[in-house]
Amino acid sequence: MKADVVVIGAGIVCPHHRALYGIQNCFDMALKGGILDGGEALITAPLDGRPDLPEEVRGIAPDIKSKRLFYDNLVRMSDWPLERATKFIDENFELYLWKTDRVLKLLKENRTKLYFYCELEAEKLERAGLSKAESLQDWIDERIERSDGLFTVIDDGNKIAVLGEDEGA
C-alpha cells in the first residue's frame, strides 16, 4: 500500500550514498512504488561526497561530467514545465540525463516533495527543487502532528524494490 509520507534510508553507507547522484536509485527502486502522488518523502543519506572531489561536485555526483549532466540540468530544468524538460532530454540525451528525467517526473508528474536529512548544503538542494530537513525527529514529528495518513519507513532503499498496487508481479 502506498503512503502519504515515506522515510527512506539507502541502507548501509557505501560510496553510492555519498552523492545525490547515487541516492537517486532509491527513488526508482523503492520510493516511486511506495508513495502516493502528492506525498512527502524524507531521504536519509550522508551526501557528504568523497574528500578527493572538488567542492562543487562533492555530495552531488561522483565526477564533474555526471554533475554537469545530472545535477546542473536538474537545476536548469527545475522551473521548466515537465513537457519541455522531457522534450529537451529526449532530443539531447546523454547517459546521465536519465536520472534528471526520473527526478523531474517524481517532482512534477507525481508531485512528490523530496526532503533530505544529509550533510549537503540546503542551498545546493534548493537549487534543484529539493529541500533539506535539519532535524530528522522534527520532520517526522511535524508529519505525525498533521495526521496526513499512512506513514511508511523503508530501509535499504537502494537494494529493494517496492512495487505499487498497480505494479505487482
N, C-alpha and C. Protein backbone atom coordinates (compact mmCIF):
# COMPACT_ATOMS: atom_id res chain seq x y z
N MET A 1 0.83 -1.17 0.00
CA MET A 1 0.00 0.00 0.00
C MET A 1 0.89 1.25 0.00
N LYS A 2 0.61 2.17 -0.90
CA LYS A 2 1.36 3.41 -0.98
C LYS A 2 0.99 4.33 0.19
N ALA A 3 1.94 5.16 0.59
CA ALA A 3 1.76 6.03 1.75
C ALA A 3 1.85 7.50 1.35
N ASP A 4 1.26 8.35 2.20
CA ASP A 4 1.37 9.80 2.03
C ASP A 4 2.77 10.30 2.40
N VAL A 5 3.34 9.68 3.41
CA VAL A 5 4.63 10.10 3.94
C VAL A 5 5.55 8.88 4.00
N VAL A 6 6.75 9.04 3.45
CA VAL A 6 7.72 7.95 3.43
C VAL A 6 9.06 8.48 3.95
N VAL A 7 9.66 7.73 4.84
CA VAL A 7 11.04 7.98 5.25
C VAL A 7 11.84 6.84 4.64
N ILE A 8 12.84 7.20 3.85
CA ILE A 8 13.59 6.16 3.15
C ILE A 8 15.08 6.33 3.42
N GLY A 9 15.69 5.24 3.84
CA GLY A 9 17.13 5.20 4.05
C GLY A 9 17.75 4.35 2.97
N ALA A 10 18.92 4.73 2.54
CA ALA A 10 19.58 3.97 1.49
C ALA A 10 20.18 2.66 2.01
N GLY A 11 20.24 2.51 3.31
CA GLY A 11 20.81 1.28 3.88
C GLY A 11 22.23 1.52 4.35
N ILE A 12 23.01 0.47 4.35
CA ILE A 12 24.40 0.55 4.80
C ILE A 12 25.14 1.57 3.93
N VAL A 13 25.83 2.48 4.56
CA VAL A 13 26.51 3.54 3.82
C VAL A 13 27.65 2.98 2.99
N CYS A 14 27.62 3.29 1.72
CA CYS A 14 28.67 2.91 0.79
C CYS A 14 28.95 4.13 -0.09
N PRO A 15 29.91 4.07 -0.98
CA PRO A 15 30.23 5.25 -1.80
C PRO A 15 29.04 5.83 -2.57
N HIS A 16 28.08 5.00 -2.98
CA HIS A 16 26.92 5.50 -3.72
C HIS A 16 26.05 6.42 -2.87
N HIS A 17 26.09 6.27 -1.57
CA HIS A 17 25.24 7.05 -0.68
C HIS A 17 25.86 8.38 -0.30
N ARG A 18 27.03 8.64 -0.84
CA ARG A 18 27.73 9.87 -0.50
C ARG A 18 27.42 10.99 -1.49
N ALA A 19 26.58 10.69 -2.51
CA ALA A 19 26.22 11.71 -3.51
C ALA A 19 24.76 11.57 -3.91
N LEU A 20 24.14 12.68 -4.19
CA LEU A 20 22.76 12.73 -4.65
C LEU A 20 22.58 11.85 -5.89
N TYR A 21 23.57 11.85 -6.75
CA TYR A 21 23.55 11.05 -7.97
C TYR A 21 23.29 9.57 -7.67
N GLY A 22 23.95 9.00 -6.68
CA GLY A 22 23.78 7.59 -6.34
C GLY A 22 22.49 7.32 -5.58
N ILE A 23 22.07 8.26 -4.75
CA ILE A 23 20.84 8.09 -3.97
C ILE A 23 19.62 8.08 -4.87
N GLN A 24 19.71 8.70 -6.04
CA GLN A 24 18.57 8.72 -6.95
C GLN A 24 18.06 7.31 -7.24
N ASN A 25 18.93 6.31 -7.18
CA ASN A 25 18.49 4.94 -7.45
C ASN A 25 17.38 4.50 -6.50
N CYS A 26 17.40 4.95 -5.25
CA CYS A 26 16.35 4.53 -4.31
C CYS A 26 15.01 5.16 -4.68
N PHE A 27 15.01 6.26 -5.45
CA PHE A 27 13.74 6.82 -5.91
C PHE A 27 13.05 5.82 -6.84
N ASP A 28 13.82 5.24 -7.75
CA ASP A 28 13.26 4.26 -8.70
C ASP A 28 12.98 2.93 -8.03
N MET A 29 13.88 2.48 -7.18
CA MET A 29 13.76 1.16 -6.57
C MET A 29 12.64 1.08 -5.54
N ALA A 30 12.55 2.05 -4.67
CA ALA A 30 11.64 1.93 -3.53
C ALA A 30 10.63 3.06 -3.41
N LEU A 31 11.07 4.29 -3.63
CA LEU A 31 10.18 5.41 -3.34
C LEU A 31 8.99 5.50 -4.30
N LYS A 32 9.23 5.42 -5.58
CA LYS A 32 8.15 5.59 -6.56
C LYS A 32 7.02 4.59 -6.33
N GLY A 33 7.34 3.37 -5.97
CA GLY A 33 6.32 2.36 -5.72
C GLY A 33 5.70 2.43 -4.34
N GLY A 34 6.28 3.23 -3.45
CA GLY A 34 5.80 3.27 -2.08
C GLY A 34 5.10 4.55 -1.66
N ILE A 35 5.05 5.55 -2.55
CA ILE A 35 4.49 6.84 -2.14
C ILE A 35 3.34 7.25 -3.05
N LEU A 36 2.33 7.84 -2.46
CA LEU A 36 1.19 8.35 -3.21
C LEU A 36 1.57 9.64 -3.94
N ASP A 37 0.93 9.90 -5.06
CA ASP A 37 1.12 11.17 -5.74
C ASP A 37 0.80 12.30 -4.76
N GLY A 38 1.65 13.31 -4.76
CA GLY A 38 1.47 14.43 -3.84
C GLY A 38 2.04 14.19 -2.46
N GLY A 39 2.70 13.06 -2.27
CA GLY A 39 3.25 12.72 -0.95
C GLY A 39 4.56 13.43 -0.65
N GLU A 40 5.03 13.19 0.57
CA GLU A 40 6.28 13.76 1.03
C GLU A 40 7.23 12.63 1.40
N ALA A 41 8.50 12.81 1.03
CA ALA A 41 9.50 11.79 1.35
C ALA A 41 10.70 12.44 2.02
N LEU A 42 11.21 11.76 3.02
CA LEU A 42 12.45 12.16 3.67
C LEU A 42 13.48 11.09 3.36
N ILE A 43 14.54 11.49 2.69
CA ILE A 43 15.61 10.57 2.32
C ILE A 43 16.77 10.82 3.27
N THR A 44 17.23 9.76 3.92
CA THR A 44 18.36 9.88 4.85
C THR A 44 19.58 9.24 4.21
N ALA A 45 20.61 10.03 4.04
CA ALA A 45 21.87 9.57 3.46
C ALA A 45 22.93 10.63 3.75
N PRO A 46 24.19 10.25 3.84
CA PRO A 46 25.21 11.24 4.18
C PRO A 46 25.32 12.41 3.19
N LEU A 47 25.35 12.10 1.90
CA LEU A 47 25.57 13.11 0.86
C LEU A 47 26.72 14.05 1.23
N ASP A 48 27.79 13.45 1.73
CA ASP A 48 28.96 14.22 2.13
C ASP A 48 30.05 14.21 1.08
N GLY A 49 29.93 13.36 0.08
CA GLY A 49 30.88 13.32 -1.02
C GLY A 49 32.23 12.77 -0.64
N ARG A 50 32.93 12.35 -1.67
CA ARG A 50 34.30 11.87 -1.46
C ARG A 50 35.22 13.06 -1.23
N PRO A 51 36.15 12.94 -0.29
CA PRO A 51 37.02 14.08 0.02
C PRO A 51 37.94 14.48 -1.13
N ASP A 52 38.18 13.60 -2.09
CA ASP A 52 39.08 13.92 -3.19
C ASP A 52 38.39 14.71 -4.31
N LEU A 53 37.10 14.95 -4.20
CA LEU A 53 36.37 15.66 -5.24
C LEU A 53 36.38 17.17 -5.01
N PRO A 54 36.28 17.94 -6.09
CA PRO A 54 36.15 19.40 -5.92
C PRO A 54 34.88 19.74 -5.15
N GLU A 55 34.90 20.84 -4.44
CA GLU A 55 33.76 21.26 -3.61
C GLU A 55 32.46 21.32 -4.41
N GLU A 56 32.51 21.80 -5.65
CA GLU A 56 31.28 21.95 -6.44
C GLU A 56 30.65 20.61 -6.83
N VAL A 57 31.39 19.53 -6.73
CA VAL A 57 30.91 18.19 -7.10
C VAL A 57 30.57 17.37 -5.85
N ARG A 58 31.30 17.60 -4.78
CA ARG A 58 31.20 16.79 -3.56
C ARG A 58 29.77 16.76 -3.01
N GLY A 59 29.25 15.55 -2.82
CA GLY A 59 27.91 15.35 -2.29
C GLY A 59 26.82 15.34 -3.35
N ILE A 60 27.18 15.74 -4.55
CA ILE A 60 26.21 15.82 -5.65
C ILE A 60 26.38 14.67 -6.63
N ALA A 61 27.63 14.41 -7.03
CA ALA A 61 27.88 13.40 -8.07
C ALA A 61 29.27 12.81 -7.88
N PRO A 62 29.56 11.69 -8.57
CA PRO A 62 30.87 11.06 -8.42
C PRO A 62 31.97 11.74 -9.24
N ASP A 63 31.60 12.59 -10.19
CA ASP A 63 32.58 13.27 -11.02
C ASP A 63 31.93 14.49 -11.68
N ILE A 64 32.74 15.31 -12.32
CA ILE A 64 32.25 16.56 -12.89
C ILE A 64 31.27 16.31 -14.05
N LYS A 65 31.51 15.29 -14.87
CA LYS A 65 30.62 15.03 -16.01
C LYS A 65 29.22 14.64 -15.54
N SER A 66 29.13 13.74 -14.58
CA SER A 66 27.80 13.34 -14.10
C SER A 66 27.12 14.49 -13.37
N LYS A 67 27.88 15.34 -12.68
CA LYS A 67 27.28 16.53 -12.06
C LYS A 67 26.69 17.44 -13.12
N ARG A 68 27.47 17.68 -14.18
CA ARG A 68 27.02 18.57 -15.24
C ARG A 68 25.74 18.05 -15.90
N LEU A 69 25.72 16.77 -16.22
CA LEU A 69 24.57 16.23 -16.93
C LEU A 69 23.38 15.97 -16.02
N PHE A 70 23.61 15.50 -14.81
CA PHE A 70 22.51 15.19 -13.89
C PHE A 70 22.07 16.44 -13.12
N TYR A 71 22.91 16.93 -12.24
CA TYR A 71 22.52 18.00 -11.31
C TYR A 71 22.34 19.35 -12.01
N ASP A 72 23.30 19.75 -12.82
CA ASP A 72 23.20 21.06 -13.47
C ASP A 72 21.94 21.14 -14.33
N ASN A 73 21.61 20.06 -15.01
CA ASN A 73 20.37 20.05 -15.80
C ASN A 73 19.14 20.02 -14.90
N LEU A 74 19.21 19.33 -13.78
CA LEU A 74 18.09 19.32 -12.83
C LEU A 74 17.83 20.74 -12.32
N VAL A 75 18.89 21.46 -12.01
CA VAL A 75 18.76 22.85 -11.56
C VAL A 75 18.15 23.69 -12.68
N ARG A 76 18.69 23.56 -13.88
CA ARG A 76 18.23 24.37 -15.01
C ARG A 76 16.78 24.10 -15.34
N MET A 77 16.36 22.84 -15.26
CA MET A 77 15.02 22.46 -15.69
C MET A 77 14.00 22.46 -14.55
N SER A 78 14.42 22.77 -13.34
CA SER A 78 13.51 22.66 -12.20
C SER A 78 12.30 23.59 -12.32
N ASP A 79 12.43 24.69 -13.03
CA ASP A 79 11.27 25.57 -13.19
C ASP A 79 10.64 25.46 -14.58
N TRP A 80 11.10 24.53 -15.39
CA TRP A 80 10.50 24.29 -16.71
C TRP A 80 9.25 23.43 -16.55
N PRO A 81 8.28 23.58 -17.45
CA PRO A 81 7.18 22.61 -17.48
C PRO A 81 7.76 21.23 -17.82
N LEU A 82 7.17 20.18 -17.28
CA LEU A 82 7.68 18.83 -17.49
C LEU A 82 7.78 18.48 -18.98
N GLU A 83 6.81 18.88 -19.76
CA GLU A 83 6.80 18.56 -21.19
C GLU A 83 8.04 19.13 -21.88
N ARG A 84 8.40 20.36 -21.54
CA ARG A 84 9.58 20.99 -22.13
C ARG A 84 10.84 20.25 -21.71
N ALA A 85 10.96 19.91 -20.43
CA ALA A 85 12.13 19.19 -19.94
C ALA A 85 12.26 17.82 -20.59
N THR A 86 11.14 17.10 -20.68
CA THR A 86 11.16 15.77 -21.29
C THR A 86 11.58 15.86 -22.75
N LYS A 87 11.05 16.83 -23.46
CA LYS A 87 11.41 17.01 -24.87
C LYS A 87 12.90 17.30 -25.01
N PHE A 88 13.42 18.19 -24.17
CA PHE A 88 14.85 18.52 -24.22
C PHE A 88 15.69 17.27 -23.96
N ILE A 89 15.33 16.51 -22.94
CA ILE A 89 16.10 15.30 -22.61
C ILE A 89 16.03 14.29 -23.75
N ASP A 90 14.85 14.10 -24.32
CA ASP A 90 14.69 13.17 -25.45
C ASP A 90 15.55 13.59 -26.64
N GLU A 91 15.59 14.87 -26.92
CA GLU A 91 16.31 15.37 -28.10
C GLU A 91 17.81 15.54 -27.88
N ASN A 92 18.25 15.58 -26.63
CA ASN A 92 19.66 15.82 -26.32
C ASN A 92 20.22 14.75 -25.39
N PHE A 93 19.70 13.56 -25.48
CA PHE A 93 20.00 12.53 -24.48
C PHE A 93 21.49 12.19 -24.43
N GLU A 94 21.99 12.17 -23.21
CA GLU A 94 23.29 11.62 -22.88
C GLU A 94 23.08 10.76 -21.64
N LEU A 95 23.97 9.85 -21.40
CA LEU A 95 23.78 8.81 -20.39
C LEU A 95 23.23 9.31 -19.06
N TYR A 96 23.78 10.31 -18.46
CA TYR A 96 23.38 10.71 -17.11
C TYR A 96 22.06 11.46 -17.06
N LEU A 97 21.55 11.88 -18.20
CA LEU A 97 20.29 12.62 -18.23
C LEU A 97 19.08 11.79 -17.82
N TRP A 98 19.16 10.46 -17.88
CA TRP A 98 18.01 9.66 -17.46
C TRP A 98 17.70 9.89 -15.99
N LYS A 99 18.72 10.14 -15.18
CA LYS A 99 18.49 10.41 -13.75
C LYS A 99 17.77 11.74 -13.58
N THR A 100 18.15 12.73 -14.35
CA THR A 100 17.47 14.03 -14.31
C THR A 100 16.01 13.85 -14.67
N ASP A 101 15.75 13.09 -15.72
CA ASP A 101 14.38 12.82 -16.17
C ASP A 101 13.55 12.17 -15.06
N ARG A 102 14.11 11.19 -14.39
CA ARG A 102 13.38 10.47 -13.33
C ARG A 102 13.05 11.38 -12.15
N VAL A 103 14.01 12.22 -11.75
CA VAL A 103 13.76 13.11 -10.62
C VAL A 103 12.72 14.16 -11.00
N LEU A 104 12.83 14.73 -12.19
CA LEU A 104 11.85 15.73 -12.62
C LEU A 104 10.44 15.14 -12.66
N LYS A 105 10.31 13.92 -13.15
CA LYS A 105 8.98 13.29 -13.20
C LYS A 105 8.44 13.04 -11.79
N LEU A 106 9.29 12.63 -10.87
CA LEU A 106 8.86 12.42 -9.49
C LEU A 106 8.37 13.74 -8.88
N LEU A 107 9.10 14.81 -9.14
CA LEU A 107 8.74 16.12 -8.59
C LEU A 107 7.51 16.73 -9.27
N LYS A 108 7.47 16.66 -10.59
CA LYS A 108 6.44 17.38 -11.35
C LYS A 108 5.22 16.54 -11.70
N GLU A 109 5.43 15.33 -12.16
CA GLU A 109 4.31 14.47 -12.55
C GLU A 109 3.64 13.86 -11.32
N ASN A 110 4.45 13.35 -10.41
CA ASN A 110 3.92 12.71 -9.20
C ASN A 110 3.73 13.70 -8.06
N ARG A 111 4.24 14.92 -8.22
CA ARG A 111 4.10 15.98 -7.22
C ARG A 111 4.64 15.55 -5.85
N THR A 112 5.72 14.80 -5.87
CA THR A 112 6.35 14.34 -4.63
C THR A 112 7.29 15.43 -4.12
N LYS A 113 7.19 15.73 -2.86
CA LYS A 113 8.08 16.70 -2.22
C LYS A 113 9.21 15.90 -1.58
N LEU A 114 10.46 16.18 -1.99
CA LEU A 114 11.62 15.44 -1.52
C LEU A 114 12.43 16.27 -0.53
N TYR A 115 12.60 15.72 0.66
CA TYR A 115 13.41 16.32 1.72
C TYR A 115 14.60 15.40 1.96
N PHE A 116 15.73 16.00 2.35
CA PHE A 116 16.93 15.22 2.62
C PHE A 116 17.47 15.56 4.00
N TYR A 117 17.73 14.51 4.77
CA TYR A 117 18.44 14.65 6.03
C TYR A 117 19.86 14.21 5.71
N CYS A 118 20.75 15.18 5.54
CA CYS A 118 22.08 14.89 4.99
C CYS A 118 23.05 16.01 5.34
N GLU A 119 24.26 15.87 4.86
CA GLU A 119 25.29 16.89 5.10
C GLU A 119 25.40 17.89 3.95
N LEU A 120 24.76 17.63 2.83
CA LEU A 120 24.81 18.55 1.70
C LEU A 120 24.13 19.87 2.08
N GLU A 121 24.69 20.97 1.64
CA GLU A 121 24.16 22.28 1.97
C GLU A 121 22.74 22.45 1.43
N ALA A 122 21.89 23.10 2.22
CA ALA A 122 20.50 23.33 1.83
C ALA A 122 20.41 24.06 0.50
N GLU A 123 21.28 25.02 0.26
CA GLU A 123 21.24 25.81 -0.96
C GLU A 123 21.42 24.94 -2.20
N LYS A 124 22.30 23.95 -2.12
CA LYS A 124 22.51 23.06 -3.27
C LYS A 124 21.28 22.21 -3.54
N LEU A 125 20.60 21.79 -2.50
CA LEU A 125 19.36 21.03 -2.68
C LEU A 125 18.26 21.93 -3.25
N GLU A 126 18.11 23.10 -2.68
CA GLU A 126 17.03 24.00 -3.09
C GLU A 126 17.17 24.44 -4.53
N ARG A 127 18.39 24.62 -5.02
CA ARG A 127 18.60 24.99 -6.42
C ARG A 127 18.01 23.95 -7.36
N ALA A 128 17.94 22.70 -6.91
CA ALA A 128 17.42 21.60 -7.73
C ALA A 128 15.96 21.29 -7.43
N GLY A 129 15.30 22.13 -6.64
CA GLY A 129 13.89 21.88 -6.32
C GLY A 129 13.68 20.90 -5.18
N LEU A 130 14.73 20.67 -4.40
CA LEU A 130 14.69 19.73 -3.28
C LEU A 130 14.79 20.53 -1.98
N SER A 131 14.52 19.89 -0.86
CA SER A 131 14.55 20.58 0.43
C SER A 131 15.41 19.82 1.43
N LYS A 132 15.89 20.55 2.41
CA LYS A 132 16.70 19.94 3.47
C LYS A 132 15.90 19.90 4.76
N ALA A 133 15.99 18.78 5.45
CA ALA A 133 15.42 18.64 6.80
C ALA A 133 16.59 18.76 7.77
N GLU A 134 16.57 19.78 8.57
CA GLU A 134 17.67 20.00 9.52
C GLU A 134 17.63 19.01 10.68
N SER A 135 16.42 18.57 11.03
CA SER A 135 16.25 17.63 12.14
C SER A 135 15.36 16.48 11.69
N LEU A 136 15.89 15.29 11.78
CA LEU A 136 15.12 14.10 11.43
C LEU A 136 13.88 13.98 12.30
N GLN A 137 14.05 14.13 13.60
CA GLN A 137 12.93 13.97 14.52
C GLN A 137 11.88 15.06 14.34
N ASP A 138 12.31 16.30 14.14
CA ASP A 138 11.34 17.39 13.93
C ASP A 138 10.52 17.15 12.67
N TRP A 139 11.17 16.70 11.60
CA TRP A 139 10.47 16.44 10.34
C TRP A 139 9.39 15.38 10.56
N ILE A 140 9.76 14.30 11.22
CA ILE A 140 8.81 13.21 11.48
C ILE A 140 7.69 13.70 12.40
N ASP A 141 8.02 14.40 13.47
CA ASP A 141 7.01 14.90 14.41
C ASP A 141 6.00 15.82 13.73
N GLU A 142 6.47 16.68 12.83
CA GLU A 142 5.55 17.58 12.11
C GLU A 142 4.53 16.80 11.29
N ARG A 143 4.95 15.73 10.65
CA ARG A 143 4.03 14.93 9.84
C ARG A 143 3.06 14.15 10.73
N ILE A 144 3.54 13.65 11.84
CA ILE A 144 2.66 12.93 12.77
C ILE A 144 1.59 13.88 13.31
N GLU A 145 1.97 15.09 13.66
CA GLU A 145 1.01 16.08 14.18
C GLU A 145 -0.06 16.42 13.16
N ARG A 146 0.29 16.44 11.89
CA ARG A 146 -0.68 16.77 10.85
C ARG A 146 -1.64 15.62 10.58
N SER A 147 -1.30 14.42 11.01
CA SER A 147 -2.12 13.22 10.76
C SER A 147 -2.49 13.11 9.28
N ASP A 148 -1.49 13.18 8.43
CA ASP A 148 -1.70 13.16 6.99
C ASP A 148 -2.07 11.80 6.42
N GLY A 149 -2.04 10.76 7.20
CA GLY A 149 -2.37 9.45 6.67
C GLY A 149 -1.29 8.43 6.96
N LEU A 150 -1.22 7.42 6.12
CA LEU A 150 -0.28 6.33 6.29
C LEU A 150 1.16 6.84 6.23
N PHE A 151 1.99 6.32 7.11
CA PHE A 151 3.38 6.72 7.27
C PHE A 151 4.23 5.47 7.14
N THR A 152 5.15 5.44 6.19
CA THR A 152 5.94 4.25 5.93
C THR A 152 7.43 4.55 6.05
N VAL A 153 8.19 3.59 6.58
CA VAL A 153 9.64 3.69 6.65
C VAL A 153 10.22 2.56 5.82
N ILE A 154 11.13 2.90 4.91
CA ILE A 154 11.77 1.90 4.04
C ILE A 154 13.27 2.01 4.26
N ASP A 155 13.89 0.90 4.64
CA ASP A 155 15.35 0.87 4.77
C ASP A 155 15.91 0.10 3.57
N ASP A 156 17.17 0.30 3.30
CA ASP A 156 17.82 -0.34 2.15
C ASP A 156 17.14 0.03 0.84
N GLY A 157 16.77 1.29 0.70
CA GLY A 157 16.05 1.75 -0.49
C GLY A 157 16.81 1.59 -1.79
N ASN A 158 18.13 1.45 -1.74
CA ASN A 158 18.91 1.23 -2.96
C ASN A 158 19.02 -0.26 -3.30
N LYS A 159 18.46 -1.12 -2.45
CA LYS A 159 18.64 -2.56 -2.63
C LYS A 159 17.34 -3.32 -2.81
N ILE A 160 16.21 -2.73 -2.44
CA ILE A 160 14.94 -3.45 -2.55
C ILE A 160 14.01 -2.70 -3.48
N ALA A 161 13.11 -3.43 -4.08
CA ALA A 161 12.10 -2.82 -4.94
C ALA A 161 10.76 -2.84 -4.21
N VAL A 162 10.11 -1.69 -4.19
CA VAL A 162 8.77 -1.58 -3.64
C VAL A 162 7.85 -1.38 -4.83
N LEU A 163 6.93 -2.31 -5.00
CA LEU A 163 6.00 -2.23 -6.11
C LEU A 163 4.70 -1.63 -5.64
N GLY A 164 4.18 -0.68 -6.39
CA GLY A 164 2.89 -0.10 -6.08
C GLY A 164 1.79 -1.10 -6.39
N GLU A 165 0.57 -0.76 -6.00
CA GLU A 165 -0.57 -1.66 -6.18
C GLU A 165 -0.78 -2.04 -7.63
N ASP A 166 -0.49 -1.13 -8.56
CA ASP A 166 -0.69 -1.41 -9.97
C ASP A 166 0.55 -1.98 -10.65
N GLU A 167 1.60 -2.28 -9.88
CA GLU A 167 2.85 -2.75 -10.44
C GLU A 167 3.19 -4.18 -10.02
N GLY A 168 2.26 -4.89 -9.43
CA GLY A 168 2.54 -6.22 -8.91
C GLY A 168 2.98 -7.20 -9.98
N ALA A 169 3.67 -8.22 -9.54
CA ALA A 169 4.18 -9.23 -10.47
C ALA A 169 3.10 -10.19 -10.88
